[in-house]
Amino acid sequence: MDCREAKEIIPAYLANAATAAEVGQIESHLAVCQDCRAHLGKMIDEPVDVVVAKPSARAASPQPAPVPMPTPEVKAPVKEKMKAKNSDNQLTPLDYGALIVGILVLGFLLSLFIKK
């Protein structure tokens, strides 16, 4: 990297808008070039508006949009369906299967404790 390229990238570097590759190149160049270090010092002392067209590798990732909560108008039909379904109090075959498995597990655990 030569001084001309470095001086073009320094404003983006100061604005944390340079890519990772550019940051590496500019830092390597600044380590050996007194003129560009002086230019960087002047840029730090004088605020400069920087317009960067490309996205930054260092830029923070955008935050996801918040998920909207359902309105009462949307919730009401769902609540009605839930009430209608629960008012039946009918057990499905899956409910009976879960009940039987629960009883068997409980019986097994009790048998372990009773034997001791």
Protein backbone atom coordinates (compact mmCIF):
# COMPACT_ATOMS: atom_id res chain seq x y z
CA MET A 1 0.00 0.00 0.00
CA ASP A 2 1.35 3.40 -0.91
CA CYS A 3 0.72 6.73 0.84
CA ARG A 4 -1.97 7.82 -1.65
CA GLU A 5 -4.05 4.69 -0.99
CA ALA A 6 -3.47 4.97 2.76
CA LYS A 7 -4.64 8.58 2.84
CA GLU A 8 -7.79 7.59 0.94
CA ILE A 9 -8.61 4.86 3.46
CA ILE A 10 -7.71 6.78 6.66
CA PRO A 11 -11.11 8.57 6.92
CA ALA A 12 -12.96 5.24 6.69
CA TYR A 13 -10.46 3.73 9.13
CA LEU A 14 -11.18 6.49 11.66
CA ALA A 15 -14.93 6.04 11.21
CA ASN A 16 -14.61 2.26 11.79
CA ALA A 17 -15.97 1.82 8.28
CA ALA A 18 -12.92 0.18 6.68
CA THR A 19 -13.00 -3.51 5.84
CA ALA A 20 -10.89 -5.96 7.81
CA ALA A 21 -8.44 -6.22 4.90
CA GLU A 22 -8.15 -2.43 4.68
CA VAL A 23 -7.60 -2.18 8.44
CA GLY A 24 -4.75 -4.68 8.22
CA GLN A 25 -3.17 -2.87 5.28
CA ILE A 26 -3.48 0.59 6.78
CA GLU A 27 -2.10 -0.52 10.16
CA SER A 28 0.86 -2.20 8.46
CA HIS A 29 1.50 0.95 6.42
CA LEU A 30 1.18 3.25 9.44
CA ALA A 31 3.76 1.15 11.29
CA VAL A 32 6.42 2.10 8.72
CA CYS A 33 5.30 5.50 7.34
CA GLN A 34 5.87 8.61 9.44
CA ASP A 35 4.11 10.87 6.89
CA CYS A 36 0.87 8.85 7.03
CA ARG A 37 1.03 8.68 10.83
CA ALA A 38 1.26 12.49 10.85
CA HIS A 39 -1.67 12.66 8.41
CA LEU A 40 -3.65 10.34 10.70
CA GLY A 41 -2.84 12.57 13.67
CA LYS A 42 -4.15 15.63 11.82
CA MET A 43 -7.33 13.74 10.89
CA ILE A 44 -7.88 12.79 14.53
CA ASP A 45 -7.51 16.40 15.65
CA GLU A 46 -9.88 17.71 12.95
CA PRO A 47 -13.31 16.08 12.74
CA VAL A 48 -14.15 15.05 9.18
CA ASP A 49 -17.47 13.92 7.76
CA VAL A 50 -17.01 10.55 6.10
CA VAL A 51 -19.45 9.05 3.64
CA VAL A 52 -18.80 5.38 3.06
CA ALA A 53 -20.70 3.61 0.29
CA LYS A 54 -19.70 0.06 1.20
CA PRO A 55 -20.80 -1.82 4.33
CA SER A 56 -18.28 -2.15 7.10
CA ALA A 57 -16.88 -5.45 8.25
CA ARG A 58 -16.81 -3.95 11.74
CA ALA A 59 -20.33 -2.57 11.69
CA ALA A 60 -22.71 -4.02 14.23
CA SER A 61 -25.19 -6.51 12.90
CA PRO A 62 -28.69 -5.09 12.48
CA GLN A 63 -31.09 -5.82 15.31
CA PRO A 64 -34.11 -7.95 14.42
CA ALA A 65 -37.44 -6.20 14.40
CA PRO A 66 -39.54 -6.86 17.50
CA VAL A 67 -42.30 -9.41 17.10
CA PRO A 68 -45.70 -7.72 17.39
CA MET A 69 -48.02 -9.07 20.06
CA PRO A 70 -51.45 -10.30 18.93
CA THR A 71 -54.25 -7.83 19.39
CA PRO A 72 -57.35 -8.63 21.48
CA GLU A 73 -59.31 -9.03 18.23
CA VAL A 74 -56.96 -11.82 17.21
CA LYS A 75 -56.87 -13.41 20.66
CA ALA A 76 -60.66 -13.57 21.14
CA PRO A 77 -61.44 -16.26 18.50
CA VAL A 78 -58.56 -18.38 19.74
CA LYS A 79 -59.80 -18.15 23.34
CA GLU A 80 -63.28 -19.13 22.23
CA LYS A 81 -61.96 -22.22 20.45
CA MET A 82 -59.93 -23.15 23.52
CA LYS A 83 -63.00 -22.81 25.77
CA ALA A 84 -65.11 -24.90 23.40
CA LYS A 85 -62.49 -27.62 23.22
CA ASN A 86 -61.95 -27.70 26.99
CA SER A 87 -65.67 -27.73 27.81
CA ASP A 88 -65.99 -31.25 26.38
CA ASN A 89 -63.75 -32.74 29.09
CA GLN A 90 -63.33 -35.76 26.84
CA LEU A 91 -60.08 -37.71 27.07
CA THR A 92 -58.52 -38.69 23.78
CA PRO A 93 -56.70 -42.00 23.24
CA LEU A 94 -53.44 -40.07 23.54
CA ASP A 95 -54.54 -38.80 26.95
CA TYR A 96 -55.29 -42.35 28.08
CA GLY A 97 -51.91 -43.55 26.81
CA ALA A 98 -50.09 -40.81 28.70
CA LEU A 99 -52.06 -41.63 31.84
CA ILE A 100 -51.16 -45.33 31.61
CA VAL A 101 -47.47 -44.58 31.06
CA GLY A 102 -47.49 -42.21 34.04
CA ILE A 103 -49.07 -44.85 36.28
CA LEU A 104 -46.53 -47.47 35.16
CA VAL A 105 -43.58 -45.14 35.83
CA LEU A 106 -44.98 -44.19 39.22
CA GLY A 107 -45.48 -47.87 40.10
CA PHE A 108 -41.90 -48.68 39.03
CA LEU A 109 -40.47 -45.87 41.15
CA LEU A 110 -42.55 -46.88 44.15
CA SER A 111 -41.40 -50.50 43.81
CA LEU A 112 -37.76 -49.32 43.93
CA PHE A 113 -38.33 -47.47 47.18
CA ILE A 114 -40.45 -50.16 48.81
CA LYS A 115 -37.83 -52.90 48.21
CA LYS A 116 -35.16 -50.96 50.11
